[in-house]
Each structure stands twice: as structure tokens, then as C-alpha cells.
């Protein structure tokens, strides 16, 4: 998983679905995962997650998304 600063993100022109979960990490990701499972081309999905989180579920979420075939990028948030 690569890491990028939030201001340096560049969306791949081949990504059809971009999900920025970097600021929504307190939300329950199950709905997002179920929605992404329905998408036919999982390799076209790019999900941004926070690079540092106190949420224990984040590594599992990253693993699940990568297992689906999604591209996952860690984002450093500067709030």
C-alpha cells in the first residue's frame, strides 16, 4: 500500500470508481464493501484510507479491499 499526502493525490485515469474513505474512517465500512462487491470491475476501484488511525478495523478493511482487487492508497490527513 502506497502512502500519499492528501494534497498530492493524483487519480489514475483508469480508475472508474474513487472512494475517499480517509476522512470517513469512523463510519461503518460494511455498506461500502457490499456496494463495491457489486461492482463488476473491481480492478477499476481506487480507495483512499487514512495512513494512521486508532481504529483497529482499518488493517482488516485494507486487507478486504485488496482481496476484492481494489487499489488502496494511504493518505496523510492534515486537519
N, C-alpha and C. Protein backbone atom coordinates (compact mmCIF):
# COMPACT_ATOMS: atom_id res chain seq x y z
N UNK A 1 0.85 -1.17 0.00
CA UNK A 1 0.00 0.00 0.00
C UNK A 1 0.89 1.23 0.00
N UNK A 2 0.69 2.09 -0.97
CA UNK A 2 1.48 3.30 -1.03
C UNK A 2 0.88 4.38 -0.16
N UNK A 3 1.67 5.37 0.18
CA UNK A 3 1.22 6.48 1.02
C UNK A 3 1.42 7.78 0.26
N UNK A 4 0.41 8.63 0.30
CA UNK A 4 0.50 9.93 -0.36
C UNK A 4 -0.07 10.99 0.57
N UNK A 5 0.45 12.21 0.45
CA UNK A 5 -0.14 13.33 1.16
C UNK A 5 -1.48 13.65 0.50
N UNK A 6 -2.42 14.13 1.30
CA UNK A 6 -3.75 14.41 0.77
C UNK A 6 -3.69 15.41 -0.38
N UNK A 7 -2.79 16.36 -0.31
CA UNK A 7 -2.69 17.37 -1.36
C UNK A 7 -1.97 16.87 -2.61
N UNK A 8 -1.31 15.73 -2.53
CA UNK A 8 -0.54 15.23 -3.66
C UNK A 8 -1.22 14.08 -4.39
N UNK A 9 -2.43 13.76 -4.03
CA UNK A 9 -3.12 12.65 -4.68
C UNK A 9 -3.34 12.93 -6.14
N UNK A 10 -3.11 11.93 -6.93
CA UNK A 10 -3.41 12.02 -8.35
C UNK A 10 -4.25 10.81 -8.70
N UNK A 11 -5.42 11.07 -9.22
CA UNK A 11 -6.31 9.98 -9.56
C UNK A 11 -5.87 9.35 -10.87
N UNK A 12 -5.83 8.06 -10.87
CA UNK A 12 -5.45 7.34 -12.07
C UNK A 12 -6.55 7.50 -13.12
N UNK A 13 -6.20 7.78 -14.34
CA UNK A 13 -7.23 7.93 -15.37
C UNK A 13 -7.95 6.63 -15.68
N UNK A 14 -7.40 5.50 -15.24
CA UNK A 14 -8.04 4.22 -15.49
C UNK A 14 -8.99 3.83 -14.37
N UNK A 15 -8.98 4.55 -13.25
CA UNK A 15 -9.87 4.22 -12.14
C UNK A 15 -11.27 4.74 -12.44
N UNK A 16 -12.22 3.84 -12.44
CA UNK A 16 -13.60 4.22 -12.71
C UNK A 16 -14.32 4.65 -11.44
N UNK A 17 -13.96 4.06 -10.30
CA UNK A 17 -14.60 4.38 -9.04
C UNK A 17 -13.52 4.81 -8.06
N UNK A 18 -13.69 6.00 -7.49
CA UNK A 18 -12.74 6.50 -6.49
C UNK A 18 -13.52 6.74 -5.21
N UNK A 19 -13.06 6.11 -4.12
CA UNK A 19 -13.70 6.25 -2.82
C UNK A 19 -12.69 6.86 -1.87
N UNK A 20 -13.01 8.04 -1.32
CA UNK A 20 -12.13 8.68 -0.34
C UNK A 20 -12.68 8.37 1.05
N UNK A 21 -12.14 7.33 1.67
CA UNK A 21 -12.55 6.91 2.99
C UNK A 21 -11.59 7.47 4.04
N UNK A 22 -10.69 8.36 3.63
CA UNK A 22 -9.66 8.87 4.53
C UNK A 22 -10.23 9.76 5.63
N UNK A 23 -11.36 10.39 5.40
CA UNK A 23 -11.97 11.23 6.42
C UNK A 23 -13.22 10.60 7.01
N UNK A 24 -13.64 9.47 6.50
CA UNK A 24 -14.86 8.80 6.97
C UNK A 24 -14.54 7.53 7.72
N UNK A 25 -13.32 7.43 8.26
CA UNK A 25 -12.90 6.17 8.86
C UNK A 25 -13.69 5.81 10.12
N UNK A 26 -14.44 6.76 10.70
CA UNK A 26 -15.26 6.44 11.86
C UNK A 26 -16.58 5.81 11.45
N UNK A 27 -16.91 5.88 10.18
CA UNK A 27 -18.16 5.30 9.69
C UNK A 27 -18.00 3.79 9.53
N UNK A 28 -19.12 3.10 9.53
CA UNK A 28 -19.11 1.65 9.35
C UNK A 28 -18.88 1.33 7.87
N UNK A 29 -17.81 0.61 7.54
CA UNK A 29 -17.49 0.37 6.13
C UNK A 29 -18.26 -0.77 5.48
N UNK A 30 -19.10 -1.48 6.23
CA UNK A 30 -19.77 -2.65 5.67
C UNK A 30 -20.64 -2.31 4.46
N UNK A 31 -21.34 -1.19 4.51
CA UNK A 31 -22.17 -0.79 3.38
C UNK A 31 -21.33 -0.50 2.14
N UNK A 32 -20.19 0.16 2.35
CA UNK A 32 -19.30 0.44 1.23
C UNK A 32 -18.77 -0.86 0.63
N UNK A 33 -18.36 -1.80 1.48
CA UNK A 33 -17.82 -3.07 1.00
C UNK A 33 -18.87 -3.82 0.19
N UNK A 34 -20.09 -3.89 0.69
CA UNK A 34 -21.17 -4.58 -0.03
C UNK A 34 -21.44 -3.91 -1.38
N UNK A 35 -21.41 -2.58 -1.41
CA UNK A 35 -21.63 -1.86 -2.65
C UNK A 35 -20.50 -2.16 -3.64
N UNK A 36 -19.25 -2.15 -3.16
CA UNK A 36 -18.11 -2.42 -4.04
C UNK A 36 -18.11 -3.86 -4.55
N UNK A 37 -18.62 -4.78 -3.76
CA UNK A 37 -18.70 -6.18 -4.21
C UNK A 37 -19.60 -6.33 -5.42
N UNK A 38 -20.56 -5.44 -5.57
CA UNK A 38 -21.49 -5.50 -6.70
C UNK A 38 -20.90 -4.90 -7.97
N UNK A 39 -19.82 -4.14 -7.83
CA UNK A 39 -19.21 -3.50 -9.00
C UNK A 39 -18.49 -4.56 -9.82
N UNK A 40 -18.73 -4.63 -11.12
CA UNK A 40 -18.19 -5.74 -11.92
C UNK A 40 -16.68 -5.70 -12.14
N UNK A 41 -16.06 -4.53 -12.17
CA UNK A 41 -14.62 -4.43 -12.44
C UNK A 41 -13.90 -3.92 -11.20
N UNK A 42 -13.62 -4.82 -10.28
CA UNK A 42 -13.03 -4.43 -9.00
C UNK A 42 -11.64 -3.81 -9.18
N UNK A 43 -10.95 -4.17 -10.24
CA UNK A 43 -9.64 -3.59 -10.51
C UNK A 43 -9.69 -2.12 -10.87
N UNK A 44 -10.89 -1.62 -11.18
CA UNK A 44 -11.07 -0.21 -11.51
C UNK A 44 -11.44 0.63 -10.30
N UNK A 45 -11.41 0.04 -9.11
CA UNK A 45 -11.79 0.74 -7.89
C UNK A 45 -10.52 1.19 -7.16
N UNK A 46 -10.47 2.47 -6.79
CA UNK A 46 -9.35 3.01 -6.03
C UNK A 46 -9.91 3.60 -4.74
N UNK A 47 -9.45 3.09 -3.60
CA UNK A 47 -9.94 3.54 -2.30
C UNK A 47 -8.80 4.21 -1.55
N UNK A 48 -9.07 5.41 -1.03
CA UNK A 48 -8.12 6.12 -0.19
C UNK A 48 -8.50 5.92 1.27
N UNK A 49 -7.55 5.43 2.07
CA UNK A 49 -7.75 5.22 3.50
C UNK A 49 -6.76 6.10 4.26
N UNK A 50 -7.07 6.42 5.53
CA UNK A 50 -6.09 7.19 6.32
C UNK A 50 -4.84 6.35 6.57
N UNK A 51 -3.68 7.00 6.57
CA UNK A 51 -2.44 6.26 6.79
C UNK A 51 -2.27 5.90 8.26
N UNK A 52 -2.81 6.70 9.15
CA UNK A 52 -2.72 6.43 10.59
C UNK A 52 -4.12 6.53 11.17
N UNK A 53 -4.48 5.52 11.92
CA UNK A 53 -5.81 5.52 12.54
C UNK A 53 -5.77 4.74 13.83
N UNK A 54 -6.58 5.16 14.76
CA UNK A 54 -6.70 4.43 16.02
C UNK A 54 -7.74 3.32 15.91
N UNK A 55 -8.34 3.21 14.75
CA UNK A 55 -9.37 2.18 14.54
C UNK A 55 -8.71 0.84 14.26
N UNK A 56 -9.04 -0.14 15.05
CA UNK A 56 -8.46 -1.48 14.88
C UNK A 56 -8.94 -2.14 13.60
N UNK A 57 -10.07 -1.70 13.07
CA UNK A 57 -10.63 -2.35 11.87
C UNK A 57 -9.94 -1.90 10.59
N UNK A 58 -9.11 -0.86 10.63
CA UNK A 58 -8.52 -0.34 9.40
C UNK A 58 -7.64 -1.35 8.67
N UNK A 59 -6.74 -2.08 9.34
CA UNK A 59 -5.96 -3.09 8.60
C UNK A 59 -6.84 -4.17 7.98
N UNK A 60 -7.89 -4.55 8.67
CA UNK A 60 -8.81 -5.55 8.12
C UNK A 60 -9.56 -5.00 6.91
N UNK A 61 -9.97 -3.74 6.99
CA UNK A 61 -10.64 -3.10 5.85
C UNK A 61 -9.70 -3.04 4.65
N UNK A 62 -8.46 -2.63 4.87
CA UNK A 62 -7.48 -2.57 3.79
C UNK A 62 -7.30 -3.95 3.16
N UNK A 63 -7.17 -4.97 4.00
CA UNK A 63 -6.99 -6.33 3.51
C UNK A 63 -8.21 -6.81 2.71
N UNK A 64 -9.39 -6.49 3.19
CA UNK A 64 -10.62 -6.88 2.49
C UNK A 64 -10.69 -6.21 1.13
N UNK A 65 -10.40 -4.92 1.09
CA UNK A 65 -10.45 -4.19 -0.18
C UNK A 65 -9.42 -4.72 -1.17
N UNK A 66 -8.22 -4.99 -0.69
CA UNK A 66 -7.19 -5.54 -1.57
C UNK A 66 -7.57 -6.94 -2.02
N UNK A 67 -8.22 -7.71 -1.15
CA UNK A 67 -8.68 -9.04 -1.51
C UNK A 67 -9.73 -9.02 -2.61
N UNK A 68 -10.51 -7.94 -2.66
CA UNK A 68 -11.51 -7.77 -3.72
C UNK A 68 -10.85 -7.38 -5.04
N UNK A 69 -9.62 -6.91 -4.97
CA UNK A 69 -8.92 -6.46 -6.18
C UNK A 69 -8.85 -4.96 -6.31
N UNK A 70 -9.26 -4.24 -5.27
CA UNK A 70 -9.23 -2.78 -5.30
C UNK A 70 -7.80 -2.27 -5.07
N UNK A 71 -7.52 -1.10 -5.62
CA UNK A 71 -6.28 -0.40 -5.31
C UNK A 71 -6.52 0.41 -4.05
N UNK A 72 -5.61 0.31 -3.08
CA UNK A 72 -5.76 1.01 -1.81
C UNK A 72 -4.54 1.90 -1.60
N UNK A 73 -4.79 3.18 -1.29
CA UNK A 73 -3.71 4.13 -1.04
C UNK A 73 -3.93 4.78 0.32
N UNK A 74 -2.88 4.85 1.13
CA UNK A 74 -2.95 5.53 2.41
C UNK A 74 -2.73 7.02 2.19
N UNK A 75 -3.51 7.84 2.91
CA UNK A 75 -3.46 9.28 2.76
C UNK A 75 -3.13 9.91 4.10
N UNK A 76 -2.16 10.81 4.10
CA UNK A 76 -1.85 11.57 5.31
C UNK A 76 -2.78 12.77 5.34
N UNK A 77 -3.62 12.84 6.36
CA UNK A 77 -4.54 13.97 6.50
C UNK A 77 -3.92 15.02 7.39
N UNK A 78 -4.04 16.25 6.98
CA UNK A 78 -3.56 17.37 7.78
C UNK A 78 -4.75 18.23 8.14
N UNK A 79 -5.32 17.98 9.30
CA UNK A 79 -6.52 18.71 9.69
C UNK A 79 -6.17 19.89 10.56
